[in-house]
Amino acid sequence: MEKLDRSKLWGLEAYAMERPAFRQQVIAHKRHRRVRLNAHAALYFEDFLTMKYQVQEMLRVERIFEPAEIEAEIEAYNPLIPDGGNWKATFMIEYPDVEQRRRALEQLKDIERQVWAQVGDGDRIVAIANEDLDRSNEDKTAAVHFLRFELSAAQVDALRQDASLRFGISHPAMTCEAEVDGAIRDSLLNDLD
């Protein structure tokens, strides 16, 4: 799977010119990278393009142009690009009301360790959560988590043979699942090269 390096990024001036078209490209791309699990939980699957956009935006907002600082951003975001046998996703718990969100996050402690994928009728693949740092504490979970789903070669083959694909949550305070098909499934299959 392709990773970021400085040669694949625009400098600040060039990015200012490329940004409108690139932003539209990324918005269209992301439409096929989101799995809505229920009204309050979604998986946003990352890949080279989404991470390139994230790095370009960080460089723009922070006005970063020093090579060492650019490398630091690349090092921070490259781990979020799939490796060819996995999916990497940002898991978001979404409540627009602040007080409702606070209460939900208290009830959903450890939810990030109960998010799963399932290929066909096989075993559930429980996501590996927050490898960079723990985002929860003894009182509540965070609203954003970074997840990795590791697939076996047999699971990848089954997906290529049109096995079904589902994602879900098995937390007692939030149990749900969603079948993934069409353009979203096709987009996720592209991560498995």
C-alpha atoms as a PDB file:
ATOM      1  CA  MET A   1       0.000   0.000   0.000  1.00  0.00           C
ATOM      2  CA  GLU A   2       1.282   3.441  -0.928  1.00  0.00           C
ATOM      3  CA  LYS A   3       2.577   5.623   1.930  1.00  0.00           C
ATOM      4  CA  LEU A   4       3.173   9.355   2.125  1.00  0.00           C
ATOM      5  CA  ASP A   5       6.544  11.000   1.622  1.00  0.00           C
ATOM      6  CA  ARG A   6       7.524  14.588   0.877  1.00  0.00           C
ATOM      7  CA  SER A   7       7.681  13.977  -2.881  1.00  0.00           C
ATOM      8  CA  LYS A   8       3.916  13.204  -2.864  1.00  0.00           C
ATOM      9  CA  LEU A   9       2.946  16.491  -1.192  1.00  0.00           C
ATOM     10  CA  TRP A  10       2.514  19.994  -2.571  1.00  0.00           C
ATOM     11  CA  GLY A  11       4.380  22.923  -1.081  1.00  0.00           C
ATOM     12  CA  LEU A  12       2.222  25.601   0.548  1.00  0.00           C
ATOM     13  CA  GLU A  13       1.971  27.825  -2.541  1.00  0.00           C
ATOM     14  CA  ALA A  14       1.220  24.964  -4.924  1.00  0.00           C
ATOM     15  CA  TYR A  15      -1.331  23.521  -2.489  1.00  0.00           C
ATOM     16  CA  ALA A  16      -3.135  26.865  -2.316  1.00  0.00           C
ATOM     17  CA  MET A  17      -3.711  26.558  -6.062  1.00  0.00           C
ATOM     18  CA  GLU A  18      -4.557  22.828  -6.026  1.00  0.00           C
ATOM     19  CA  ARG A  19      -6.687  22.881  -2.878  1.00  0.00           C
ATOM     20  CA  PRO A  20     -10.181  23.617  -4.312  1.00  0.00           C
ATOM     21  CA  ALA A  21     -10.062  20.778  -6.834  1.00  0.00           C
ATOM     22  CA  PHE A  22      -8.270  18.403  -4.443  1.00  0.00           C
ATOM     23  CA  ARG A  23     -10.790  19.128  -1.690  1.00  0.00           C
ATOM     24  CA  GLN A  24     -13.695  18.263  -4.023  1.00  0.00           C
ATOM     25  CA  GLN A  25     -11.915  15.040  -5.019  1.00  0.00           C
ATOM     26  CA  VAL A  26     -11.474  14.047  -1.372  1.00  0.00           C
ATOM     27  CA  ILE A  27     -15.075  14.903  -0.443  1.00  0.00           C
ATOM     28  CA  ALA A  28     -16.341  12.673  -3.263  1.00  0.00           C
ATOM     29  CA  HIS A  29     -13.907   9.923  -2.251  1.00  0.00           C
ATOM     30  CA  LYS A  30     -14.962  10.035   1.419  1.00  0.00           C
ATOM     31  CA  ARG A  31     -18.607   9.407   0.499  1.00  0.00           C
ATOM     32  CA  HIS A  32     -17.575   5.812  -0.172  1.00  0.00           C
ATOM     33  CA  ARG A  33     -15.418   5.509   2.956  1.00  0.00           C
ATOM     34  CA  ARG A  34     -18.045   5.951   5.710  1.00  0.00           C
ATOM     35  CA  VAL A  35     -20.009   3.169   7.371  1.00  0.00           C
ATOM     36  CA  ARG A  36     -22.869   4.476   9.490  1.00  0.00           C
ATOM     37  CA  LEU A  37     -23.415   1.923  12.296  1.00  0.00           C
ATOM     38  CA  ASN A  38     -26.379   3.755  13.826  1.00  0.00           C
ATOM     39  CA  ALA A  39     -27.544   7.329  14.392  1.00  0.00           C
ATOM     40  CA  HIS A  40     -24.676   7.988  16.829  1.00  0.00           C
ATOM     41  CA  ALA A  41     -21.740   5.899  15.603  1.00  0.00           C
ATOM     42  CA  ALA A  42     -19.802   5.756  12.351  1.00  0.00           C
ATOM     43  CA  LEU A  43     -16.576   4.395  10.936  1.00  0.00           C
ATOM     44  CA  TYR A  44     -14.600   6.669   8.612  1.00  0.00           C
ATOM     45  CA  PHE A  45     -12.098   4.509   6.742  1.00  0.00           C
ATOM     46  CA  GLU A  46      -8.735   6.068   6.046  1.00  0.00           C
ATOM     47  CA  ASP A  47      -6.440   5.510   3.077  1.00  0.00           C
ATOM     48  CA  PHE A  48      -3.635   7.241   1.200  1.00  0.00           C
ATOM     49  CA  LEU A  49      -5.876   9.958  -0.232  1.00  0.00           C
ATOM     50  CA  THR A  50      -7.621  10.811   3.054  1.00  0.00           C
ATOM     51  CA  MET A  51      -4.290  10.983   4.872  1.00  0.00           C
ATOM     52  CA  LYS A  52      -2.665  13.051   2.117  1.00  0.00           C
ATOM     53  CA  TYR A  53      -5.513  15.534   2.491  1.00  0.00           C
ATOM     54  CA  GLN A  54      -5.136  15.539   6.285  1.00  0.00           C
ATOM     55  CA  VAL A  55      -1.397  16.215   6.073  1.00  0.00           C
ATOM     56  CA  GLN A  56      -1.825  18.902   3.407  1.00  0.00           C
ATOM     57  CA  GLU A  57      -4.426  20.636   5.562  1.00  0.00           C
ATOM     58  CA  MET A  58      -2.211  20.451   8.664  1.00  0.00           C
ATOM     59  CA  LEU A  59       0.703  21.933   6.740  1.00  0.00           C
ATOM     60  CA  ARG A  60      -1.560  24.699   5.418  1.00  0.00           C
ATOM     61  CA  VAL A  61      -3.213  25.586   8.716  1.00  0.00           C
ATOM     62  CA  GLU A  62       0.016  25.454  10.725  1.00  0.00           C
ATOM     63  CA  ARG A  63       2.042  27.049   7.897  1.00  0.00           C
ATOM     64  CA  ILE A  64       4.587  24.258   8.086  1.00  0.00           C
ATOM     65  CA  PHE A  65       7.340  24.397   5.484  1.00  0.00           C
ATOM     66  CA  GLU A  66      10.449  23.192   7.337  1.00  0.00           C
ATOM     67  CA  PRO A  67      11.496  19.719   6.093  1.00  0.00           C
ATOM     68  CA  ALA A  68      11.829  18.233   9.600  1.00  0.00           C
ATOM     69  CA  GLU A  69       8.360  19.449  10.580  1.00  0.00           C
ATOM     70  CA  ILE A  70       6.868  18.069   7.363  1.00  0.00           C
ATOM     71  CA  GLU A  71       8.505  14.706   8.088  1.00  0.00           C
ATOM     72  CA  ALA A  72       7.005  14.757  11.595  1.00  0.00           C
ATOM     73  CA  GLU A  73       3.509  15.199  10.132  1.00  0.00           C
ATOM     74  CA  ILE A  74       4.120  12.380   7.651  1.00  0.00           C
ATOM     75  CA  GLU A  75       5.326  10.096  10.470  1.00  0.00           C
ATOM     76  CA  ALA A  76       2.220  10.925  12.508  1.00  0.00           C
ATOM     77  CA  TYR A  77      -0.248  10.131   9.702  1.00  0.00           C
ATOM     78  CA  ASN A  78       1.368   7.279   7.739  1.00  0.00           C
ATOM     79  CA  PRO A  79       0.370   4.699  10.390  1.00  0.00           C
ATOM     80  CA  LEU A  80      -3.285   5.481   9.591  1.00  0.00           C
ATOM     81  CA  ILE A  81      -2.906   4.261   5.995  1.00  0.00           C
ATOM     82  CA  PRO A  82      -3.890   0.583   5.538  1.00  0.00           C
ATOM     83  CA  ASP A  83      -1.058  -1.896   4.988  1.00  0.00           C
ATOM     84  CA  GLY A  84      -2.804  -4.104   2.414  1.00  0.00           C
ATOM     85  CA  GLY A  85      -4.168  -6.713   4.845  1.00  0.00           C
ATOM     86  CA  ASN A  86      -6.139  -4.428   7.118  1.00  0.00           C
ATOM     87  CA  TRP A  87      -8.519  -1.524   7.358  1.00  0.00           C
ATOM     88  CA  LYS A  88      -7.829   1.551   9.425  1.00  0.00           C
ATOM     89  CA  ALA A  89     -10.709   3.709  10.537  1.00  0.00           C
ATOM     90  CA  THR A  90     -11.597   6.669  12.647  1.00  0.00           C
ATOM     91  CA  PHE A  91     -14.481   5.594  14.888  1.00  0.00           C
ATOM     92  CA  MET A  92     -16.673   8.500  15.909  1.00  0.00           C
ATOM     93  CA  ILE A  93     -19.401   8.671  18.514  1.00  0.00           C
ATOM     94  CA  GLU A  94     -21.618  11.521  17.348  1.00  0.00           C
ATOM     95  CA  TYR A  95     -24.114  13.381  19.507  1.00  0.00           C
ATOM     96  CA  PRO A  96     -24.794  17.013  18.536  1.00  0.00           C
ATOM     97  CA  ASP A  97     -26.011  17.919  22.039  1.00  0.00           C
ATOM     98  CA  VAL A  98     -23.063  18.383  24.424  1.00  0.00           C
ATOM     99  CA  GLU A  99     -24.862  17.120  27.525  1.00  0.00           C
ATOM    100  CA  GLN A 100     -26.296  14.089  25.718  1.00  0.00           C
ATOM    101  CA  ARG A 101     -22.807  13.298  24.376  1.00  0.00           C
ATOM    102  CA  ARG A 102     -21.267  13.581  27.864  1.00  0.00           C
ATOM    103  CA  ARG A 103     -23.811  11.130  29.308  1.00  0.00           C
ATOM    104  CA  ALA A 104     -23.400   8.720  26.377  1.00  0.00           C
ATOM    105  CA  LEU A 105     -19.585   8.702  26.651  1.00  0.00           C
ATOM    106  CA  GLU A 106     -19.902   7.773  30.331  1.00  0.00           C
ATOM    107  CA  GLN A 107     -22.194   4.848  29.436  1.00  0.00           C
ATOM    108  CA  LEU A 108     -20.045   3.702  26.498  1.00  0.00           C
ATOM    109  CA  LYS A 109     -16.763   3.134  28.341  1.00  0.00           C
ATOM    110  CA  ASP A 110     -14.602   0.578  26.439  1.00  0.00           C
ATOM    111  CA  ILE A 111     -16.857   0.660  23.355  1.00  0.00           C
ATOM    112  CA  GLU A 112     -13.749   1.014  21.157  1.00  0.00           C
ATOM    113  CA  ARG A 113     -12.776  -2.553  22.115  1.00  0.00           C
ATOM    114  CA  GLN A 114     -16.161  -3.908  21.035  1.00  0.00           C
ATOM    115  CA  VAL A 115     -16.290  -2.726  17.429  1.00  0.00           C
ATOM    116  CA  TRP A 116     -16.039  -5.550  14.918  1.00  0.00           C
ATOM    117  CA  ALA A 117     -16.071  -6.571  11.273  1.00  0.00           C
ATOM    118  CA  GLN A 118     -17.360  -9.863   9.895  1.00  0.00           C
ATOM    119  CA  VAL A 119     -16.695 -11.477   6.530  1.00  0.00           C
ATOM    120  CA  GLY A 120     -19.423 -13.884   5.485  1.00  0.00           C
ATOM    121  CA  ASP A 121     -20.383 -16.194   8.348  1.00  0.00           C
ATOM    122  CA  GLY A 122     -16.836 -16.216   9.734  1.00  0.00           C
ATOM    123  CA  ASP A 123     -15.591 -15.110  13.106  1.00  0.00           C
ATOM    124  CA  ARG A 124     -15.869 -11.487  14.041  1.00  0.00           C
ATOM    125  CA  ILE A 125     -12.705  -9.419  13.664  1.00  0.00           C
ATOM    126  CA  VAL A 126     -12.523  -7.253  16.782  1.00  0.00           C
ATOM    127  CA  ALA A 127     -10.823  -3.942  16.094  1.00  0.00           C
ATOM    128  CA  ILE A 128      -7.507  -3.064  17.679  1.00  0.00           C
ATOM    129  CA  ALA A 129      -8.060   0.350  19.256  1.00  0.00           C
ATOM    130  CA  ASN A 130      -5.889   3.400  19.832  1.00  0.00           C
ATOM    131  CA  GLU A 131      -2.438   1.971  19.278  1.00  0.00           C
ATOM    132  CA  ASP A 132      -0.881   5.422  19.573  1.00  0.00           C
ATOM    133  CA  LEU A 133      -2.413   6.321  22.956  1.00  0.00           C
ATOM    134  CA  ASP A 134      -5.359   5.429  25.138  1.00  0.00           C
ATOM    135  CA  ARG A 135      -8.266   7.813  24.640  1.00  0.00           C
ATOM    136  CA  SER A 136     -10.458   6.606  27.477  1.00  0.00           C
ATOM    137  CA  ASN A 137     -10.228   6.819  31.249  1.00  0.00           C
ATOM    138  CA  GLU A 138     -11.977   5.133  34.155  1.00  0.00           C
ATOM    139  CA  ASP A 139     -14.971   7.468  33.872  1.00  0.00           C
ATOM    140  CA  LYS A 140     -15.701   7.667  30.147  1.00  0.00           C
ATOM    141  CA  THR A 141     -14.663   6.861  26.628  1.00  0.00           C
ATOM    142  CA  ALA A 142     -13.585   9.434  24.063  1.00  0.00           C
ATOM    143  CA  ALA A 143     -15.754  10.515  21.134  1.00  0.00           C
ATOM    144  CA  VAL A 144     -12.995   9.652  18.621  1.00  0.00           C
ATOM    145  CA  HIS A 145     -10.935   6.458  18.385  1.00  0.00           C
ATOM    146  CA  PHE A 146      -8.508   5.078  15.816  1.00  0.00           C
ATOM    147  CA  LEU A 147      -9.135   1.434  14.916  1.00  0.00           C
ATOM    148  CA  ARG A 148      -7.372  -1.265  12.929  1.00  0.00           C
ATOM    149  CA  PHE A 149      -9.117  -4.366  11.567  1.00  0.00           C
ATOM    150  CA  GLU A 150      -6.639  -7.142  10.672  1.00  0.00           C
ATOM    151  CA  LEU A 151      -7.875  -9.590   8.031  1.00  0.00           C
ATOM    152  CA  SER A 152      -6.513 -13.031   7.244  1.00  0.00           C
ATOM    153  CA  ALA A 153      -5.660 -14.061   3.695  1.00  0.00           C
ATOM    154  CA  ALA A 154      -8.733 -16.337   3.761  1.00  0.00           C
ATOM    155  CA  GLN A 155     -10.988 -13.414   4.736  1.00  0.00           C
ATOM    156  CA  VAL A 156      -9.564 -11.261   1.946  1.00  0.00           C
ATOM    157  CA  ASP A 157     -10.119 -14.101  -0.543  1.00  0.00           C
ATOM    158  CA  ALA A 158     -13.685 -14.551   0.697  1.00  0.00           C
ATOM    159  CA  LEU A 159     -14.392 -10.846   0.185  1.00  0.00           C
ATOM    160  CA  ARG A 160     -13.031 -11.088  -3.354  1.00  0.00           C
ATOM    161  CA  GLN A 161     -15.411 -14.010  -3.904  1.00  0.00           C
ATOM    162  CA  ASP A 162     -18.355 -11.759  -2.884  1.00  0.00           C
ATOM    163  CA  ALA A 163     -18.721 -12.824   0.764  1.00  0.00           C
ATOM    164  CA  SER A 164     -20.871 -10.424   2.743  1.00  0.00           C
ATOM    165  CA  LEU A 165     -19.270  -7.724   4.878  1.00  0.00           C
ATOM    166  CA  ARG A 166     -20.701  -6.362   8.113  1.00  0.00           C
ATOM    167  CA  PHE A 167     -19.471  -4.010  10.811  1.00  0.00           C
ATOM    168  CA  GLY A 168     -20.972  -3.650  14.246  1.00  0.00           C
ATOM    169  CA  ILE A 169     -20.720  -2.861  17.922  1.00  0.00           C
ATOM    170  CA  SER A 170     -21.393  -5.349  20.722  1.00  0.00           C
ATOM    171  CA  HIS A 171     -21.307  -2.951  23.700  1.00  0.00           C
ATOM    172  CA  PRO A 172     -24.244  -3.476  26.114  1.00  0.00           C
ATOM    173  CA  ALA A 173     -25.188   0.210  25.861  1.00  0.00           C
ATOM    174  CA  MET A 174     -24.932   0.280  22.058  1.00  0.00           C
ATOM    175  CA  THR A 175     -25.467  -2.868  20.032  1.00  0.00           C
ATOM    176  CA  CYS A 176     -25.808  -2.486  16.296  1.00  0.00           C
ATOM    177  CA  GLU A 177     -24.574  -3.733  12.951  1.00  0.00           C
ATOM    178  CA  ALA A 178     -24.579  -2.642   9.344  1.00  0.00           C
ATOM    179  CA  GLU A 179     -24.108  -4.573   6.135  1.00  0.00           C
ATOM    180  CA  VAL A 180     -21.722  -2.966   3.672  1.00  0.00           C
ATOM    181  CA  ASP A 181     -22.198  -3.302  -0.065  1.00  0.00           C
ATOM    182  CA  GLY A 182     -21.959  -1.343  -3.289  1.00  0.00           C
ATOM    183  CA  ALA A 183     -19.464   1.483  -3.673  1.00  0.00           C
ATOM    184  CA  ILE A 184     -18.426   1.433  -0.001  1.00  0.00           C
ATOM    185  CA  ARG A 185     -17.599  -2.283  -0.153  1.00  0.00           C
ATOM    186  CA  ASP A 186     -15.686  -1.758  -3.408  1.00  0.00           C
ATOM    187  CA  SER A 187     -13.727   1.105  -1.876  1.00  0.00           C
ATOM    188  CA  LEU A 188     -12.771  -0.985   1.165  1.00  0.00           C
ATOM    189  CA  LEU A 189     -11.727  -3.885  -1.061  1.00  0.00           C
ATOM    190  CA  ASN A 190      -9.241  -1.532  -2.747  1.00  0.00           C
ATOM    191  CA  ASP A 191      -7.432  -1.294   0.603  1.00  0.00           C
ATOM    192  CA  LEU A 192      -6.675  -5.006   0.500  1.00  0.00           C
ATOM    193  CA  ASP A 193      -3.993  -5.116  -2.191  1.00  0.00           C
END
